[in-house]
């Protein structure tokens, strides 16, 4: 039972980390798209 609990804790931590990672990538992609649009207009 202790091992299962440890695994569950690891997965919840990993999922939380993955969520923040996806958010960071989304922000980066949006920034790149905005940059292209701004430079494209000039």
PDB file of N, CA and C in Angstrom:
ATOM      1  N   UNK A   1       0.838  -1.217   0.000  1.00  0.00           N
ATOM      2  CA  UNK A   1       0.000   0.000   0.000  1.00  0.00           C
ATOM      3  C   UNK A   1       0.874   1.268   0.000  1.00  0.00           C
ATOM      4  N   UNK A   2       1.972   1.236   0.750  1.00  0.00           N
ATOM      5  CA  UNK A   2       2.855   2.415   0.842  1.00  0.00           C
ATOM      6  C   UNK A   2       3.440   2.757  -0.532  1.00  0.00           C
ATOM      7  N   UNK A   3       3.815   1.726  -1.286  1.00  0.00           N
ATOM      8  CA  UNK A   3       4.392   1.942  -2.620  1.00  0.00           C
ATOM      9  C   UNK A   3       3.360   2.594  -3.557  1.00  0.00           C
ATOM     10  N   UNK A   4       2.110   2.128  -3.490  1.00  0.00           N
ATOM     11  CA  UNK A   4       1.051   2.694  -4.328  1.00  0.00           C
ATOM     12  C   UNK A   4       0.834   4.172  -4.003  1.00  0.00           C
ATOM     13  N   UNK A   5       0.863   4.495  -2.706  1.00  0.00           N
ATOM     14  CA  UNK A   5       0.666   5.876  -2.275  1.00  0.00           C
ATOM     15  C   UNK A   5       1.799   6.760  -2.816  1.00  0.00           C
ATOM     16  N   UNK A   6       3.020   6.237  -2.777  1.00  0.00           N
ATOM     17  CA  UNK A   6       4.186   6.964  -3.269  1.00  0.00           C
ATOM     18  C   UNK A   6       4.042   7.235  -4.768  1.00  0.00           C
ATOM     19  N   UNK A   7       3.634   6.209  -5.501  1.00  0.00           N
ATOM     20  CA  UNK A   7       3.438   6.322  -6.942  1.00  0.00           C
ATOM     21  C   UNK A   7       2.382   7.383  -7.259  1.00  0.00           C
ATOM     22  N   UNK A   8       1.278   7.364  -6.499  1.00  0.00           N
ATOM     23  CA  UNK A   8       0.197   8.319  -6.711  1.00  0.00           C
ATOM     24  C   UNK A   8       0.697   9.745  -6.475  1.00  0.00           C
ATOM     25  N   UNK A   9       1.477   9.925  -5.407  1.00  0.00           N
ATOM     26  CA  UNK A   9       2.041  11.242  -5.097  1.00  0.00           C
ATOM     27  C   UNK A   9       2.949  11.717  -6.224  1.00  0.00           C
ATOM     28  N   UNK A  10       3.761  10.800  -6.744  1.00  0.00           N
ATOM     29  CA  UNK A  10       4.661  11.133  -7.851  1.00  0.00           C
ATOM     30  C   UNK A  10       3.863  11.556  -9.082  1.00  0.00           C
ATOM     31  N   UNK A  11       2.809  10.822  -9.398  1.00  0.00           N
ATOM     32  CA  UNK A  11       2.022  11.139 -10.592  1.00  0.00           C
ATOM     33  C   UNK A  11       1.302  12.469 -10.466  1.00  0.00           C
ATOM     34  N   UNK A  12       0.765  12.779  -9.279  1.00  0.00           N
ATOM     35  CA  UNK A  12       0.084  14.067  -9.105  1.00  0.00           C
ATOM     36  C   UNK A  12       1.093  15.204  -9.259  1.00  0.00           C
ATOM     37  N   UNK A  13       2.307  15.021  -8.711  1.00  0.00           N
ATOM     38  CA  UNK A  13       3.363  16.031  -8.855  1.00  0.00           C
ATOM     39  C   UNK A  13       3.734  16.177 -10.328  1.00  0.00           C
ATOM     40  N   UNK A  14       3.895  15.055 -11.022  1.00  0.00           N
ATOM     41  CA  UNK A  14       4.277  15.075 -12.434  1.00  0.00           C
ATOM     42  C   UNK A  14       3.205  15.755 -13.282  1.00  0.00           C
ATOM     43  N   UNK A  15       1.930  15.434 -13.011  1.00  0.00           N
ATOM     44  CA  UNK A  15       0.824  16.040 -13.755  1.00  0.00           C
ATOM     45  C   UNK A  15       0.812  17.552 -13.549  1.00  0.00           C
ATOM     46  N   UNK A  16       1.039  17.988 -12.308  1.00  0.00           N
ATOM     47  CA  UNK A  16       1.057  19.421 -12.004  1.00  0.00           C
ATOM     48  C   UNK A  16       2.203  20.089 -12.769  1.00  0.00           C
ATOM     49  N   UNK A  17       3.385  19.443 -12.776  1.00  0.00           N
ATOM     50  CA  UNK A  17       4.553  19.969 -13.483  1.00  0.00           C
ATOM     51  C   UNK A  17       4.269  20.028 -14.988  1.00  0.00           C
ATOM     52  N   UNK A  18       3.676  18.974 -15.522  1.00  0.00           N
ATOM     53  CA  UNK A  18       3.357  18.918 -16.948  1.00  0.00           C
ATOM     54  C   UNK A  18       2.382  20.039 -17.312  1.00  0.00           C
ATOM     55  N   UNK A  19       1.427  20.315 -16.438  1.00  0.00           N
ATOM     56  CA  UNK A  19       0.454  21.383 -16.689  1.00  0.00           C
ATOM     57  C   UNK A  19       1.122  22.737 -16.788  1.00  0.00           C
ATOM     58  N   UNK A  20       2.049  23.026 -15.876  1.00  0.00           N
ATOM     59  CA  UNK A  20       2.749  24.310 -15.922  1.00  0.00           C
ATOM     60  C   UNK A  20       3.641  24.375 -17.154  1.00  0.00           C
ATOM     61  N   UNK A  21       4.241  23.247 -17.530  1.00  0.00           N
ATOM     62  CA  UNK A  21       5.102  23.178 -18.712  1.00  0.00           C
ATOM     63  C   UNK A  21       4.293  23.512 -19.965  1.00  0.00           C
ATOM     64  N   UNK A  22       3.083  22.941 -20.079  1.00  0.00           N
ATOM     65  CA  UNK A  22       2.204  23.203 -21.224  1.00  0.00           C
ATOM     66  C   UNK A  22       1.838  24.689 -21.265  1.00  0.00           C
ATOM     67  N   UNK A  23       1.543  25.271 -20.099  1.00  0.00           N
ATOM     68  CA  UNK A  23       1.211  26.699 -20.026  1.00  0.00           C
ATOM     69  C   UNK A  23       2.380  27.541 -20.516  1.00  0.00           C
ATOM     70  N   UNK A  24       3.596  27.203 -20.088  1.00  0.00           N
ATOM     71  CA  UNK A  24       4.785  27.955 -20.522  1.00  0.00           C
ATOM     72  C   UNK A  24       4.951  27.861 -22.039  1.00  0.00           C
ATOM     73  N   UNK A  25       4.784  26.669 -22.593  1.00  0.00           N
ATOM     74  CA  UNK A  25       4.897  26.503 -24.043  1.00  0.00           C
ATOM     75  C   UNK A  25       3.822  27.295 -24.771  1.00  0.00           C
ATOM     76  N   UNK A  26       2.591  27.296 -24.249  1.00  0.00           N
ATOM     77  CA  UNK A  26       1.490  28.047 -24.861  1.00  0.00           C
ATOM     78  C   UNK A  26       1.821  29.538 -24.880  1.00  0.00           C
ATOM     79  N   UNK A  27       2.328  30.061 -23.767  1.00  0.00           N
ATOM     80  CA  UNK A  27       2.706  31.477 -23.688  1.00  0.00           C
ATOM     81  C   UNK A  27       3.807  31.791 -24.697  1.00  0.00           C
ATOM     82  N   UNK A  28       4.795  30.905 -24.805  1.00  0.00           N
ATOM     83  CA  UNK A  28       5.888  31.090 -25.766  1.00  0.00           C
ATOM     84  C   UNK A  28       5.360  31.121 -27.191  1.00  0.00           C
ATOM     85  N   UNK A  29       4.483  30.189 -27.531  1.00  0.00           N
ATOM     86  CA  UNK A  29       3.919  30.105 -28.883  1.00  0.00           C
ATOM     87  C   UNK A  29       3.116  31.371 -29.200  1.00  0.00           C
ATOM     88  N   UNK A  30       2.299  31.819 -28.239  1.00  0.00           N
ATOM     89  CA  UNK A  30       1.509  33.040 -28.439  1.00  0.00           C
ATOM     90  C   UNK A  30       2.446  34.233 -28.663  1.00  0.00           C
ATOM     91  N   UNK A  31       3.512  34.303 -27.869  1.00  0.00           N
ATOM     92  CA  UNK A  31       4.495  35.381 -28.021  1.00  0.00           C
ATOM     93  C   UNK A  31       5.137  35.361 -29.398  1.00  0.00           C
ATOM     94  N   UNK A  32       5.500  34.184 -29.888  1.00  0.00           N
ATOM     95  CA  UNK A  32       6.117  34.042 -31.215  1.00  0.00           C
ATOM     96  C   UNK A  32       5.130  34.491 -32.300  1.00  0.00           C
ATOM     97  N   UNK A  33       3.877  34.066 -32.212  1.00  0.00           N
ATOM     98  CA  UNK A  33       2.853  34.434 -33.197  1.00  0.00           C
ATOM     99  C   UNK A  33       2.662  35.950 -33.206  1.00  0.00           C
ATOM    100  N   UNK A  34       2.573  36.555 -32.011  1.00  0.00           N
ATOM    101  CA  UNK A  34       2.418  38.020 -31.915  1.00  0.00           C
ATOM    102  C   UNK A  34       3.630  38.712 -32.534  1.00  0.00           C
ATOM    103  N   UNK A  35       4.822  38.208 -32.268  1.00  0.00           N
ATOM    104  CA  UNK A  35       6.044  38.771 -32.833  1.00  0.00           C
ATOM    105  C   UNK A  35       6.024  38.719 -34.358  1.00  0.00           C
ATOM    106  N   UNK A  36       5.609  37.592 -34.921  1.00  0.00           N
ATOM    107  CA  UNK A  36       5.523  37.437 -36.379  1.00  0.00           C
ATOM    108  C   UNK A  36       4.518  38.436 -36.951  1.00  0.00           C
ATOM    109  N   UNK A  37       3.368  38.577 -36.304  1.00  0.00           N
ATOM    110  CA  UNK A  37       2.344  39.505 -36.775  1.00  0.00           C
ATOM    111  C   UNK A  37       2.864  40.946 -36.743  1.00  0.00           C
ATOM    112  N   UNK A  38       3.527  41.320 -35.657  1.00  0.00           N
ATOM    113  CA  UNK A  38       4.056  42.687 -35.511  1.00  0.00           C
ATOM    114  C   UNK A  38       5.132  42.939 -36.566  1.00  0.00           C
ATOM    115  N   UNK A  39       6.085  42.003 -36.723  1.00  0.00           N
ATOM    116  CA  UNK A  39       7.155  42.173 -37.706  1.00  0.00           C
ATOM    117  C   UNK A  39       6.615  42.074 -39.140  1.00  0.00           C
ATOM    118  N   UNK A  40       5.567  41.286 -39.326  1.00  0.00           N
ATOM    119  CA  UNK A  40       4.965  41.139 -40.654  1.00  0.00           C
ATOM    120  C   UNK A  40       4.308  42.437 -41.116  1.00  0.00           C
ATOM    121  N   UNK A  41       3.749  43.207 -40.183  1.00  0.00           N
ATOM    122  CA  UNK A  41       3.089  44.474 -40.532  1.00  0.00           C
ATOM    123  C   UNK A  41       4.110  45.538 -40.937  1.00  0.00           C
ATOM    124  N   UNK A  42       5.327  45.458 -40.344  1.00  0.00           N
ATOM    125  CA  UNK A  42       6.386  46.436 -40.671  1.00  0.00           C
ATOM    126  C   UNK A  42       7.013  46.099 -41.997  1.00  0.00           C
TER     127      UNK A  42
END
